[in-house]
Protein backbone atom coordinates (compact mmCIF):
# COMPACT_ATOMS: atom_id res chain seq x y z
CA MET A 1 -92.76 -20.45 -37.90
CA SER A 2 -96.19 -18.97 -37.43
CA LEU A 3 -99.33 -20.94 -36.57
CA VAL A 4 -100.51 -20.71 -40.19
CA GLU A 5 -97.10 -21.79 -41.52
CA LEU A 6 -97.01 -24.74 -39.13
CA ALA A 7 -100.54 -25.81 -40.03
CA GLU A 8 -99.75 -25.67 -43.74
CA ALA A 9 -96.47 -27.56 -43.33
CA LEU A 10 -98.10 -30.27 -41.22
CA GLY A 11 -101.29 -30.47 -43.27
CA LEU A 12 -103.39 -29.89 -40.14
CA LYS A 13 -106.10 -27.43 -39.22
CA GLU A 14 -104.95 -24.34 -37.33
CA LYS A 15 -107.13 -25.27 -34.34
CA ARG A 16 -105.33 -28.63 -34.00
CA VAL A 17 -101.91 -27.00 -34.32
CA PHE A 18 -102.90 -24.45 -31.68
CA ARG A 19 -103.71 -27.26 -29.24
CA ILE A 20 -100.37 -28.91 -29.97
CA LEU A 21 -98.55 -25.60 -29.44
CA ARG A 22 -100.37 -25.06 -26.15
CA SER A 23 -99.25 -28.45 -24.86
CA LEU A 24 -95.68 -27.70 -25.93
CA PHE A 25 -95.84 -24.35 -24.07
CA GLU A 26 -97.07 -26.12 -20.95
CA ALA A 27 -94.18 -28.59 -21.26
CA GLU A 28 -91.83 -25.60 -21.73
CA ALA A 29 -90.55 -27.09 -24.98
CA ILE A 30 -91.22 -24.00 -27.12
CA THR A 31 -91.40 -20.23 -26.82
CA SER A 32 -92.96 -17.49 -28.91
CA LEU A 33 -91.84 -14.12 -30.18
CA ARG A 34 -93.20 -11.36 -32.41
CA SER A 35 -91.69 -10.87 -35.84
CA SER A 36 -91.10 -7.44 -37.32
CA ASP A 37 -94.47 -7.65 -39.10
CA GLY A 38 -96.25 -8.36 -35.80
CA ALA A 39 -96.91 -12.05 -36.45
CA ARG A 40 -96.35 -14.43 -33.55
CA LYS A 41 -93.63 -16.98 -34.33
CA TYR A 42 -92.74 -20.13 -32.43
CA ARG A 43 -89.42 -21.82 -31.84
CA VAL A 44 -88.07 -24.78 -29.91
CA LEU A 45 -86.23 -23.95 -26.69
CA THR A 46 -82.64 -25.11 -26.53
CA ALA A 47 -81.55 -27.51 -23.81
CA GLU A 48 -79.72 -24.63 -22.10
CA GLU A 49 -82.85 -22.46 -22.12
CA ARG A 50 -84.93 -25.29 -20.62
CA LYS A 51 -82.31 -25.83 -17.90
CA ALA A 52 -82.23 -22.11 -17.11
CA SER A 53 -86.01 -22.01 -16.90
CA ALA A 54 -86.09 -25.02 -14.59
CA LYS A 55 -83.36 -23.51 -12.42
CA GLU A 56 -85.32 -20.24 -12.06
CA GLU A 57 -88.36 -22.20 -10.87
CA GLU A 58 -86.29 -24.08 -8.26
CA GLU A 59 -84.75 -20.98 -6.71
CA PRO A 60 -86.99 -19.33 -4.10
CA GLU A 61 -87.66 -15.66 -4.62
CA GLU A 62 -85.85 -13.36 -2.26
CA LEU A 63 -87.93 -10.62 -0.69
CA ASP A 64 -86.59 -7.13 -0.48
CA GLU A 65 -86.21 -6.01 3.11
CA GLU A 66 -88.48 -3.06 2.35
CA GLU A 67 -91.22 -5.37 1.06
CA ASP A 68 -90.84 -7.62 4.09
CA GLU A 69 -91.43 -4.69 6.46
CA GLU A 70 -94.68 -3.60 4.83
């Protein structure tokens, strides 16, 4: 759903919904994407997506040998 759609469905002002969405982004509970008409849409992350995101954060980045030499 878009921000406007969420605000209408919840009966809240868009500004309030935006703050809620921001907190959900920070908690990595939702993600956003662009629809074919260019509108930003939001969706809940699945448990598998949250686990994958957490796993990526835990793994240290490996440096390329070339980068290490610079």
